Amino acid sequence: MAILPTYTQVNREDSQVNFGISRMEAIYDKRKGKIDQPHRHDFYTILLIKSAQGKHIIDFNTYPLEPLTITFIGPGQVHQVIEEKRSEGYSLVFSSDFLAQNNIPIEFIEDLNLFECYGESPPLSLDPHEFTQLSIYTEEIIKLQHSETALKEQAIGALLKLLLIRSNNLCHLPKADPVTQSTGQETFRKFRDLLNKNFSKWHASAEYARALHITPDHLNRVVKSLSGKTAKEHIQSRILTAARRMLYFTNESQKEIAYALGFKEPAHFSAFFKKCAGVSPSHFRSMR
C-alpha cells in the first residue's frame, strides 16, 4: 500500500514561504484535472468556493463540493478533493509560523472552532453577500501577494484574521452565556490539549475532568456550550479518527490497533468502532 503523503511545507519549492494563496481553477489546470490523492498537511488550509461539483473527503467523512461554501482543514487532517469539473474559488494555506510572525496567537485559531483536527468538518454555507465579502479579502490578499508593498506580510495577516473572524461569526454554534464564554475558553483549550495527548489512554470524560480539577458535569457544560458537542463526543471522535487512519493507512492488525488505542480487549475496540462508525473494522478496512 502507498504511504499516505504528508506535506510539511506550505511551498514545496521554498521552505521559507509560510503563506500561500491560489485560485482553484489554476490548481485544477496545473493538475490537468487529475484527481488528487488522499494526503495530509502540517499546516492550515481554507477553501473558499465560488462554483464546484464533486466531493470533499475529510477524515473519511464525505461532503458535497458545492458553490458558495468555505471549508477549513486543520493540520494533520486527511483529505481529498474530487472535482467532477473545474472549480472556481480560492485555496489559502498558512503555517503556525505565519501566525506567530504576524502576532496571531495559536489560541485565537483554537478559540474560533473553525479548524477541527478530528471529527466533523463540514463546509460552511454562504449567502451571496457573505461570499462577496470574503472574496474581497481574498482578492486583496492575491494583489498583495504579487506586490512589493511595504509590510505586505502584515497586511496579509490582518486580512486573513478578518476573514477568519467573519467566518467564525457565520458559524451556527450554540451561544454560550457571557460567563462561560469568558472563563470557559481556557478550560476548553486545556481539554483539547489533554485529549490530543491522552486519547489513547483516557477514554472517559471523568479522567480529563480530574486532570483539570473540575467535575465531569462542569467539563461537559463548558465543552458543549462552546462546541455544541459533549466531552464524551469529542473523545469518541478523536479515538475514531485515529482508528480510521490506522485501519486505512497501515497494515497493523486490528489487535495491534486496539491495544495502541488503549482498549484492553480487541473485542471492545470492535464494538466501539462499529457503534461509532456504523461498520465493523474489517468492513472499513476492506473499503480502502
C-alpha atoms as a PDB file:
ATOM      1  CA  MET A   1       0.000   0.000   0.000  1.00  0.00           C
ATOM      2  CA  ALA A   2       1.286   3.504  -0.810  1.00  0.00           C
ATOM      3  CA  ILE A   3       2.346   5.611   2.133  1.00  0.00           C
ATOM      4  CA  LEU A   4      -0.017   8.495   2.823  1.00  0.00           C
ATOM      5  CA  PRO A   5       1.676  11.713   1.583  1.00  0.00           C
ATOM      6  CA  THR A   6       2.247  14.320   4.282  1.00  0.00           C
ATOM      7  CA  TYR A   7       3.102  17.819   3.099  1.00  0.00           C
ATOM      8  CA  THR A   8       5.150  19.673   5.679  1.00  0.00           C
ATOM      9  CA  GLN A   9       5.864  22.870   3.728  1.00  0.00           C
ATOM     10  CA  VAL A  10       3.397  25.472   2.510  1.00  0.00           C
ATOM     11  CA  ASN A  11       5.593  25.862  -0.586  1.00  0.00           C
ATOM     12  CA  ARG A  12       7.419  22.688  -1.603  1.00  0.00           C
ATOM     13  CA  GLU A  13       9.999  24.678  -3.577  1.00  0.00           C
ATOM     14  CA  ASP A  14      10.817  27.211  -0.850  1.00  0.00           C
ATOM     15  CA  SER A  15      10.837  26.186   2.818  1.00  0.00           C
ATOM     16  CA  GLN A  16      10.953  29.843   3.884  1.00  0.00           C
ATOM     17  CA  VAL A  17       7.463  30.535   2.499  1.00  0.00           C
ATOM     18  CA  ASN A  18       4.778  30.066   5.149  1.00  0.00           C
ATOM     19  CA  PHE A  19       1.704  31.511   3.409  1.00  0.00           C
ATOM     20  CA  GLY A  20       0.180  30.874   0.013  1.00  0.00           C
ATOM     21  CA  ILE A  21      -2.957  31.650  -1.948  1.00  0.00           C
ATOM     22  CA  SER A  22      -4.039  30.201  -5.296  1.00  0.00           C
ATOM     23  CA  ARG A  23      -7.104  30.203  -7.475  1.00  0.00           C
ATOM     24  CA  MET A  24      -8.739  26.778  -7.512  1.00  0.00           C
ATOM     25  CA  GLU A  25      -9.091  26.908 -11.292  1.00  0.00           C
ATOM     26  CA  ALA A  26      -5.306  27.355 -11.611  1.00  0.00           C
ATOM     27  CA  ILE A  27      -4.716  24.331  -9.360  1.00  0.00           C
ATOM     28  CA  TYR A  28      -7.136  22.265 -11.478  1.00  0.00           C
ATOM     29  CA  ASP A  29      -5.385  23.319 -14.695  1.00  0.00           C
ATOM     30  CA  LYS A  30      -1.950  22.555 -13.257  1.00  0.00           C
ATOM     31  CA  ARG A  31      -3.093  19.031 -12.348  1.00  0.00           C
ATOM     32  CA  LYS A  32      -4.835  18.760 -15.753  1.00  0.00           C
ATOM     33  CA  GLY A  33      -7.989  17.653 -13.974  1.00  0.00           C
ATOM     34  CA  LYS A  34      -6.292  14.676 -12.352  1.00  0.00           C
ATOM     35  CA  ILE A  35      -7.888  13.721  -9.029  1.00  0.00           C
ATOM     36  CA  ASP A  36      -5.710  14.487  -6.041  1.00  0.00           C
ATOM     37  CA  GLN A  37      -4.767  11.568  -3.812  1.00  0.00           C
ATOM     38  CA  PRO A  38      -5.626  11.463  -0.074  1.00  0.00           C
ATOM     39  CA  HIS A  39      -2.978  13.372   1.860  1.00  0.00           C
ATOM     40  CA  ARG A  40      -2.421  15.449   4.951  1.00  0.00           C
ATOM     41  CA  HIS A  41      -0.784  18.804   5.661  1.00  0.00           C
ATOM     42  CA  ASP A  42       1.214  20.079   8.615  1.00  0.00           C
ATOM     43  CA  PHE A  43      -0.398  23.482   8.032  1.00  0.00           C
ATOM     44  CA  TYR A  44      -3.827  25.116   7.781  1.00  0.00           C
ATOM     45  CA  THR A  45      -5.939  25.149   4.604  1.00  0.00           C
ATOM     46  CA  ILE A  46      -9.006  27.191   3.665  1.00  0.00           C
ATOM     47  CA  LEU A  47     -11.085  26.539   0.543  1.00  0.00           C
ATOM     48  CA  LEU A  48     -13.421  29.377  -0.449  1.00  0.00           C
ATOM     49  CA  ILE A  49     -15.519  28.004  -3.305  1.00  0.00           C
ATOM     50  CA  LYS A  50     -17.483  30.048  -5.827  1.00  0.00           C
ATOM     51  CA  SER A  51     -18.577  27.162  -8.035  1.00  0.00           C
ATOM     52  CA  ALA A  52     -17.848  23.441  -7.890  1.00  0.00           C
ATOM     53  CA  GLN A  53     -19.232  19.965  -8.390  1.00  0.00           C
ATOM     54  CA  GLY A  54     -17.857  16.847  -6.735  1.00  0.00           C
ATOM     55  CA  LYS A  55     -16.995  15.837  -3.202  1.00  0.00           C
ATOM     56  CA  HIS A  56     -14.516  16.598  -0.454  1.00  0.00           C
ATOM     57  CA  ILE A  57     -13.450  13.764   1.863  1.00  0.00           C
ATOM     58  CA  ILE A  58     -12.064  14.901   5.235  1.00  0.00           C
ATOM     59  CA  ASP A  59     -11.026  12.246   7.737  1.00  0.00           C
ATOM     60  CA  PHE A  60     -13.319   9.727   5.982  1.00  0.00           C
ATOM     61  CA  ASN A  61     -16.375  11.975   6.175  1.00  0.00           C
ATOM     62  CA  THR A  62     -17.695  12.892   2.719  1.00  0.00           C
ATOM     63  CA  TYR A  63     -19.138  16.331   1.983  1.00  0.00           C
ATOM     64  CA  PRO A  64     -20.508  17.628  -1.328  1.00  0.00           C
ATOM     65  CA  LEU A  65     -18.282  20.101  -3.135  1.00  0.00           C
ATOM     66  CA  GLU A  66     -20.766  22.922  -3.597  1.00  0.00           C
ATOM     67  CA  PRO A  67     -20.877  26.582  -4.680  1.00  0.00           C
ATOM     68  CA  LEU A  68     -20.728  29.399  -2.127  1.00  0.00           C
ATOM     69  CA  THR A  69     -19.056  27.438   0.656  1.00  0.00           C
ATOM     70  CA  ILE A  70     -15.934  27.722   2.767  1.00  0.00           C
ATOM     71  CA  THR A  71     -14.095  24.771   4.310  1.00  0.00           C
ATOM     72  CA  PHE A  72     -11.402  24.733   6.981  1.00  0.00           C
ATOM     73  CA  ILE A  73      -8.859  21.886   7.190  1.00  0.00           C
ATOM     74  CA  GLY A  74      -6.560  21.718  10.195  1.00  0.00           C
ATOM     75  CA  PRO A  75      -3.024  20.311  10.411  1.00  0.00           C
ATOM     76  CA  GLY A  76      -2.964  16.515  10.394  1.00  0.00           C
ATOM     77  CA  GLN A  77      -6.375  16.003   8.819  1.00  0.00           C
ATOM     78  CA  VAL A  78      -6.513  13.535   5.924  1.00  0.00           C
ATOM     79  CA  HIS A  79      -8.407  14.987   2.994  1.00  0.00           C
ATOM     80  CA  GLN A  80      -9.052  14.571  -0.711  1.00  0.00           C
ATOM     81  CA  VAL A  81     -10.816  16.915  -3.154  1.00  0.00           C
ATOM     82  CA  ILE A  82     -12.589  15.106  -6.001  1.00  0.00           C
ATOM     83  CA  GLU A  83     -13.712  17.570  -8.678  1.00  0.00           C
ATOM     84  CA  GLU A  84     -16.193  16.473 -11.345  1.00  0.00           C
ATOM     85  CA  LYS A  85     -15.482  19.676 -13.230  1.00  0.00           C
ATOM     86  CA  ARG A  86     -13.199  22.712 -12.946  1.00  0.00           C
ATOM     87  CA  SER A  87     -13.891  24.537  -9.690  1.00  0.00           C
ATOM     88  CA  GLU A  88     -13.717  28.286  -9.170  1.00  0.00           C
ATOM     89  CA  GLY A  89     -12.586  29.797  -5.908  1.00  0.00           C
ATOM     90  CA  TYR A  90      -9.562  30.215  -3.683  1.00  0.00           C
ATOM     91  CA  SER A  91      -7.196  27.998  -1.716  1.00  0.00           C
ATOM     92  CA  LEU A  92      -5.330  29.591   1.186  1.00  0.00           C
ATOM     93  CA  VAL A  93      -2.578  27.781   3.112  1.00  0.00           C
ATOM     94  CA  PHE A  94      -0.590  29.037   6.085  1.00  0.00           C
ATOM     95  CA  SER A  95       1.612  27.640   8.825  1.00  0.00           C
ATOM     96  CA  SER A  96       1.839  28.199  12.556  1.00  0.00           C
ATOM     97  CA  ASP A  97       5.000  30.215  11.850  1.00  0.00           C
ATOM     98  CA  PHE A  98       2.971  32.639   9.741  1.00  0.00           C
ATOM     99  CA  LEU A  99       0.583  33.141  12.650  1.00  0.00           C
ATOM    100  CA  ALA A 100       3.463  33.766  15.070  1.00  0.00           C
ATOM    101  CA  GLN A 101       5.213  36.206  12.733  1.00  0.00           C
ATOM    102  CA  ASN A 102       2.003  38.230  12.441  1.00  0.00           C
ATOM    103  CA  ASN A 103       1.204  38.238  16.158  1.00  0.00           C
ATOM    104  CA  ILE A 104      -1.809  35.949  15.731  1.00  0.00           C
ATOM    105  CA  PRO A 105      -1.808  33.669  18.805  1.00  0.00           C
ATOM    106  CA  ILE A 106      -2.487  29.992  18.191  1.00  0.00           C
ATOM    107  CA  GLU A 107      -5.171  30.370  20.883  1.00  0.00           C
ATOM    108  CA  PHE A 108      -7.004  32.719  18.513  1.00  0.00           C
ATOM    109  CA  ILE A 109      -7.272  29.917  15.939  1.00  0.00           C
ATOM    110  CA  GLU A 110      -8.281  27.346  18.549  1.00  0.00           C
ATOM    111  CA  ASP A 111     -10.994  29.549  20.033  1.00  0.00           C
ATOM    112  CA  LEU A 112     -12.629  30.079  16.644  1.00  0.00           C
ATOM    113  CA  ASN A 113     -13.733  26.426  16.378  1.00  0.00           C
ATOM    114  CA  LEU A 114     -13.286  26.579  12.600  1.00  0.00           C
ATOM    115  CA  PHE A 115     -10.430  24.111  12.260  1.00  0.00           C
ATOM    116  CA  GLU A 116     -11.472  20.751  13.663  1.00  0.00           C
ATOM    117  CA  CYS A 117      -8.498  18.400  13.895  1.00  0.00           C
ATOM    118  CA  TYR A 118     -10.806  15.391  14.060  1.00  0.00           C
ATOM    119  CA  GLY A 119     -14.482  14.566  13.812  1.00  0.00           C
ATOM    120  CA  GLU A 120     -16.903  16.526  11.653  1.00  0.00           C
ATOM    121  CA  SER A 121     -15.518  19.298   9.415  1.00  0.00           C
ATOM    122  CA  PRO A 122     -18.492  20.287   7.234  1.00  0.00           C
ATOM    123  CA  PRO A 123     -18.246  23.210   4.822  1.00  0.00           C
ATOM    124  CA  LEU A 124     -19.865  26.445   5.919  1.00  0.00           C
ATOM    125  CA  SER A 125     -22.586  27.616   3.521  1.00  0.00           C
ATOM    126  CA  LEU A 126     -22.520  31.275   2.498  1.00  0.00           C
ATOM    127  CA  ASP A 127     -25.132  33.539   1.024  1.00  0.00           C
ATOM    128  CA  PRO A 128     -24.062  35.670  -1.996  1.00  0.00           C
ATOM    129  CA  HIS A 129     -23.373  38.727   0.179  1.00  0.00           C
ATOM    130  CA  GLU A 130     -21.217  36.761   2.609  1.00  0.00           C
ATOM    131  CA  PHE A 131     -19.293  35.131  -0.224  1.00  0.00           C
ATOM    132  CA  THR A 132     -18.691  38.503  -1.865  1.00  0.00           C
ATOM    133  CA  GLN A 133     -17.311  39.963   1.355  1.00  0.00           C
ATOM    134  CA  LEU A 134     -14.914  37.049   1.885  1.00  0.00           C
ATOM    135  CA  SER A 135     -13.909  37.249  -1.789  1.00  0.00           C
ATOM    136  CA  ILE A 136     -12.967  40.898  -1.316  1.00  0.00           C
ATOM    137  CA  TYR A 137     -10.485  39.835   1.364  1.00  0.00           C
ATOM    138  CA  THR A 138      -9.024  37.046  -0.774  1.00  0.00           C
ATOM    139  CA  GLU A 139      -8.714  39.214  -3.886  1.00  0.00           C
ATOM    140  CA  GLU A 140      -6.905  41.844  -1.846  1.00  0.00           C
ATOM    141  CA  ILE A 141      -4.587  39.148  -0.482  1.00  0.00           C
ATOM    142  CA  ILE A 142      -3.802  37.991  -4.045  1.00  0.00           C
ATOM    143  CA  LYS A 143      -2.931  41.564  -5.040  1.00  0.00           C
ATOM    144  CA  LEU A 144      -0.645  41.928  -2.022  1.00  0.00           C
ATOM    145  CA  GLN A 145       0.965  38.541  -2.642  1.00  0.00           C
ATOM    146  CA  HIS A 146       2.149  39.695  -6.067  1.00  0.00           C
ATOM    147  CA  SER A 147       3.195  43.178  -4.997  1.00  0.00           C
ATOM    148  CA  GLU A 148       6.238  44.780  -3.427  1.00  0.00           C
ATOM    149  CA  THR A 149       4.120  46.751  -0.959  1.00  0.00           C
ATOM    150  CA  ALA A 150       5.820  47.622   2.308  1.00  0.00           C
ATOM    151  CA  LEU A 151       4.728  45.440   5.227  1.00  0.00           C
ATOM    152  CA  LYS A 152       2.742  43.222   2.873  1.00  0.00           C
ATOM    153  CA  GLU A 153       3.102  40.160   5.149  1.00  0.00           C
ATOM    154  CA  GLN A 154       1.498  42.083   7.996  1.00  0.00           C
ATOM    155  CA  ALA A 155      -1.269  43.311   5.679  1.00  0.00           C
ATOM    156  CA  ILE A 156      -1.939  39.743   4.514  1.00  0.00           C
ATOM    157  CA  GLY A 157      -2.006  38.617   8.150  1.00  0.00           C
ATOM    158  CA  ALA A 158      -4.550  41.316   9.010  1.00  0.00           C
ATOM    159  CA  LEU A 159      -6.803  40.357   6.079  1.00  0.00           C
ATOM    160  CA  LEU A 160      -6.547  36.675   6.980  1.00  0.00           C
ATOM    161  CA  LYS A 161      -7.571  37.474  10.549  1.00  0.00           C
ATOM    162  CA  LEU A 162     -10.567  39.455   9.271  1.00  0.00           C
ATOM    163  CA  LEU A 163     -11.567  36.539   7.029  1.00  0.00           C
ATOM    164  CA  LEU A 164     -11.374  34.111   9.958  1.00  0.00           C
ATOM    165  CA  ILE A 165     -13.340  36.378  12.306  1.00  0.00           C
ATOM    166  CA  ARG A 166     -16.079  36.978   9.742  1.00  0.00           C
ATOM    167  CA  SER A 167     -16.276  33.236   9.002  1.00  0.00           C
ATOM    168  CA  ASN A 168     -16.500  32.416  12.682  1.00  0.00           C
ATOM    169  CA  ASN A 169     -19.369  34.845  13.092  1.00  0.00           C
ATOM    170  CA  LEU A 170     -21.265  32.866  10.443  1.00  0.00           C
ATOM    171  CA  CYS A 171     -20.995  29.599  12.369  1.00  0.00           C
ATOM    172  CA  HIS A 172     -24.233  28.308  13.832  1.00  0.00           C
ATOM    173  CA  LEU A 173     -22.894  27.011  17.133  1.00  0.00           C
ATOM    174  CA  PRO A 174     -24.923  27.448  20.307  1.00  0.00           C
ATOM    175  CA  LYS A 175     -24.070  30.725  22.001  1.00  0.00           C
ATOM    176  CA  ALA A 176     -22.550  30.346  25.440  1.00  0.00           C
ATOM    177  CA  ASP A 177     -23.634  32.659  28.214  1.00  0.00           C
ATOM    178  CA  PRO A 178     -21.180  35.538  28.857  1.00  0.00           C
ATOM    179  CA  VAL A 179     -19.660  33.970  31.994  1.00  0.00           C
ATOM    180  CA  THR A 180     -18.997  30.631  30.289  1.00  0.00           C
ATOM    181  CA  GLN A 181     -17.693  32.417  27.209  1.00  0.00           C
ATOM    182  CA  SER A 182     -15.169  34.435  29.193  1.00  0.00           C
ATOM    183  CA  THR A 183     -13.996  31.708  31.573  1.00  0.00           C
ATOM    184  CA  GLY A 184     -14.619  28.525  29.609  1.00  0.00           C
ATOM    185  CA  GLN A 185     -12.319  29.052  26.639  1.00  0.00           C
ATOM    186  CA  GLU A 186      -9.202  28.284  28.675  1.00  0.00           C
ATOM    187  CA  THR A 187     -10.800  25.132  30.120  1.00  0.00           C
ATOM    188  CA  PHE A 188     -11.886  24.007  26.646  1.00  0.00           C
ATOM    189  CA  ARG A 189      -8.404  24.716  25.263  1.00  0.00           C
ATOM    190  CA  LYS A 190      -6.757  22.679  28.026  1.00  0.00           C
ATOM    191  CA  PHE A 191      -9.248  19.845  27.496  1.00  0.00           C
ATOM    192  CA  ARG A 192      -8.412  19.656  23.791  1.00  0.00           C
ATOM    193  CA  ASP A 193      -4.703  19.692  24.547  1.00  0.00           C
ATOM    194  CA  LEU A 194      -5.116  16.876  27.067  1.00  0.00           C
ATOM    195  CA  LEU A 195      -7.269  14.965  24.591  1.00  0.00           C
ATOM    196  CA  ASN A 196      -4.675  15.104  21.831  1.00  0.00           C
ATOM    197  CA  LYS A 197      -2.005  13.853  24.227  1.00  0.00           C
ATOM    198  CA  ASN A 198      -4.004  11.199  26.088  1.00  0.00           C
ATOM    199  CA  PHE A 199      -6.843   9.902  23.878  1.00  0.00           C
ATOM    200  CA  SER A 200      -5.155   6.504  23.580  1.00  0.00           C
ATOM    201  CA  LYS A 201      -5.076   6.164  27.380  1.00  0.00           C
ATOM    202  CA  TRP A 202      -8.060   8.108  28.725  1.00  0.00           C
ATOM    203  CA  HIS A 203     -11.435   7.137  27.294  1.00  0.00           C
ATOM    204  CA  ALA A 204     -13.691   8.680  29.954  1.00  0.00           C
ATOM    205  CA  SER A 205     -14.516  12.365  30.407  1.00  0.00           C
ATOM    206  CA  ALA A 206     -14.024  11.907  34.178  1.00  0.00           C
ATOM    207  CA  GLU A 207     -10.295  11.355  33.602  1.00  0.00           C
ATOM    208  CA  TYR A 208      -9.967  14.685  31.801  1.00  0.00           C
ATOM    209  CA  ALA A 209     -12.075  16.451  34.415  1.00  0.00           C
ATOM    210  CA  ARG A 210      -9.839  15.065  37.165  1.00  0.00           C
ATOM    211  CA  ALA A 211      -6.725  16.383  35.388  1.00  0.00           C
ATOM    212  CA  LEU A 212      -8.402  19.800  35.082  1.00  0.00           C
ATOM    213  CA  HIS A 213      -9.506  19.765  38.747  1.00  0.00           C
ATOM    214  CA  ILE A 214     -13.177  20.203  37.862  1.00  0.00           C
ATOM    215  CA  THR A 215     -16.224  17.921  37.943  1.00  0.00           C
ATOM    216  CA  PRO A 216     -17.262  15.905  34.861  1.00  0.00           C
ATOM    217  CA  ASP A 217     -20.583  17.780  34.785  1.00  0.00           C
ATOM    218  CA  HIS A 218     -18.816  21.134  34.713  1.00  0.00           C
ATOM    219  CA  LEU A 219     -16.482  19.959  31.948  1.00  0.00           C
ATOM    220  CA  ASN A 220     -19.426  18.780  29.851  1.00  0.00           C
ATOM    221  CA  ARG A 221     -21.313  22.048  30.325  1.00  0.00           C
ATOM    222  CA  VAL A 222     -18.320  24.116  29.224  1.00  0.00           C
ATOM    223  CA  VAL A 223     -17.405  21.919  26.265  1.00  0.00           C
ATOM    224  CA  LYS A 224     -20.958  21.620  24.966  1.00  0.00           C
ATOM    225  CA  SER A 225     -21.685  25.335  25.357  1.00  0.00           C
ATOM    226  CA  LEU A 226     -18.602  26.252  23.317  1.00  0.00           C
ATOM    227  CA  SER A 227     -18.587  23.494  20.692  1.00  0.00           C
ATOM    228  CA  GLY A 228     -22.072  22.011  20.511  1.00  0.00           C
ATOM    229  CA  LYS A 229     -20.696  18.562  21.415  1.00  0.00           C
ATOM    230  CA  THR A 230     -20.171  16.889  24.787  1.00  0.00           C
ATOM    231  CA  ALA A 231     -16.743  15.968  26.130  1.00  0.00           C
ATOM    232  CA  LYS A 232     -17.617  12.300  25.526  1.00  0.00           C
ATOM    233  CA  GLU A 233     -18.413  13.019  21.884  1.00  0.00           C
ATOM    234  CA  HIS A 234     -15.065  14.801  21.445  1.00  0.00           C
ATOM    235  CA  ILE A 235     -13.247  11.830  22.994  1.00  0.00           C
ATOM    236  CA  GLN A 236     -15.056   9.319  20.795  1.00  0.00           C
ATOM    237  CA  SER A 237     -14.417  11.388  17.661  1.00  0.00           C
ATOM    238  CA  ARG A 238     -10.700  11.607  18.424  1.00  0.00           C
ATOM    239  CA  ILE A 239     -10.363   7.859  19.008  1.00  0.00           C
ATOM    240  CA  LEU A 240     -12.486   7.018  15.954  1.00  0.00           C
ATOM    241  CA  THR A 241     -10.443   9.280  13.681  1.00  0.00           C
ATOM    242  CA  ALA A 242      -7.187   7.685  14.851  1.00  0.00           C
ATOM    243  CA  ALA A 243      -8.677   4.215  14.360  1.00  0.00           C
ATOM    244  CA  ARG A 244      -9.849   5.012  10.830  1.00  0.00           C
ATOM    245  CA  ARG A 245      -6.439   6.387   9.861  1.00  0.00           C
ATOM    246  CA  MET A 246      -4.647   3.311  11.241  1.00  0.00           C
ATOM    247  CA  LEU A 247      -7.042   0.860   9.587  1.00  0.00           C
ATOM    248  CA  TYR A 248      -6.860   2.605   6.239  1.00  0.00           C
ATOM    249  CA  PHE A 249      -3.237   3.673   6.001  1.00  0.00           C
ATOM    250  CA  THR A 250      -1.331   0.965   7.917  1.00  0.00           C
ATOM    251  CA  ASN A 251      -1.170  -2.809   7.837  1.00  0.00           C
ATOM    252  CA  GLU A 252      -1.248  -3.184  11.612  1.00  0.00           C
ATOM    253  CA  SER A 253      -3.601  -5.905  12.799  1.00  0.00           C
ATOM    254  CA  GLN A 254      -6.873  -4.976  14.482  1.00  0.00           C
ATOM    255  CA  LYS A 255      -5.447  -6.417  17.688  1.00  0.00           C
ATOM    256  CA  GLU A 256      -2.398  -4.125  17.477  1.00  0.00           C
ATOM    257  CA  ILE A 257      -4.603  -1.114  16.735  1.00  0.00           C
ATOM    258  CA  ALA A 258      -6.911  -1.948  19.627  1.00  0.00           C
ATOM    259  CA  TYR A 259      -4.044  -2.064  22.130  1.00  0.00           C
ATOM    260  CA  ALA A 260      -2.395   1.049  20.631  1.00  0.00           C
ATOM    261  CA  LEU A 261      -5.638   2.956  21.216  1.00  0.00           C
ATOM    262  CA  GLY A 262      -5.954   1.825  24.823  1.00  0.00           C
ATOM    263  CA  PHE A 263      -8.576  -0.915  24.538  1.00  0.00           C
ATOM    264  CA  LYS A 264      -7.950  -3.835  26.900  1.00  0.00           C
ATOM    265  CA  GLU A 265      -9.585  -6.321  24.533  1.00  0.00           C
ATOM    266  CA  PRO A 266      -9.805  -6.300  20.720  1.00  0.00           C
ATOM    267  CA  ALA A 267     -13.496  -7.141  21.057  1.00  0.00           C
ATOM    268  CA  HIS A 268     -14.054  -3.893  22.962  1.00  0.00           C
ATOM    269  CA  PHE A 269     -12.377  -1.974  20.131  1.00  0.00           C
ATOM    270  CA  SER A 270     -14.524  -3.726  17.521  1.00  0.00           C
ATOM    271  CA  ALA A 271     -17.706  -2.931  19.431  1.00  0.00           C
ATOM    272  CA  PHE A 272     -16.676   0.729  19.861  1.00  0.00           C
ATOM    273  CA  PHE A 273     -15.784   1.112  16.180  1.00  0.00           C
ATOM    274  CA  LYS A 274     -18.990  -0.483  14.906  1.00  0.00           C
ATOM    275  CA  LYS A 275     -21.114   1.635  17.250  1.00  0.00           C
ATOM    276  CA  CYS A 276     -19.425   4.898  16.218  1.00  0.00           C
ATOM    277  CA  ALA A 277     -18.660   4.227  12.553  1.00  0.00           C
ATOM    278  CA  GLY A 278     -21.649   2.060  11.688  1.00  0.00           C
ATOM    279  CA  VAL A 279     -19.479  -0.710  10.199  1.00  0.00           C
ATOM    280  CA  SER A 280     -17.011  -3.209  11.612  1.00  0.00           C
ATOM    281  CA  PRO A 281     -13.250  -2.518  11.498  1.00  0.00           C
ATOM    282  CA  SER A 282     -12.836  -5.363   8.999  1.00  0.00           C
ATOM    283  CA  HIS A 283     -15.500  -3.934   6.671  1.00  0.00           C
ATOM    284  CA  PHE A 284     -13.983  -0.441   6.903  1.00  0.00           C
ATOM    285  CA  ARG A 285     -10.510  -1.775   6.067  1.00  0.00           C
ATOM    286  CA  SER A 286     -11.881  -3.678   3.069  1.00  0.00           C
ATOM    287  CA  MET A 287     -13.036  -0.349   1.580  1.00  0.00           C
ATOM    288  CA  ARG A 288      -9.511   1.012   1.112  1.00  0.00           C
END
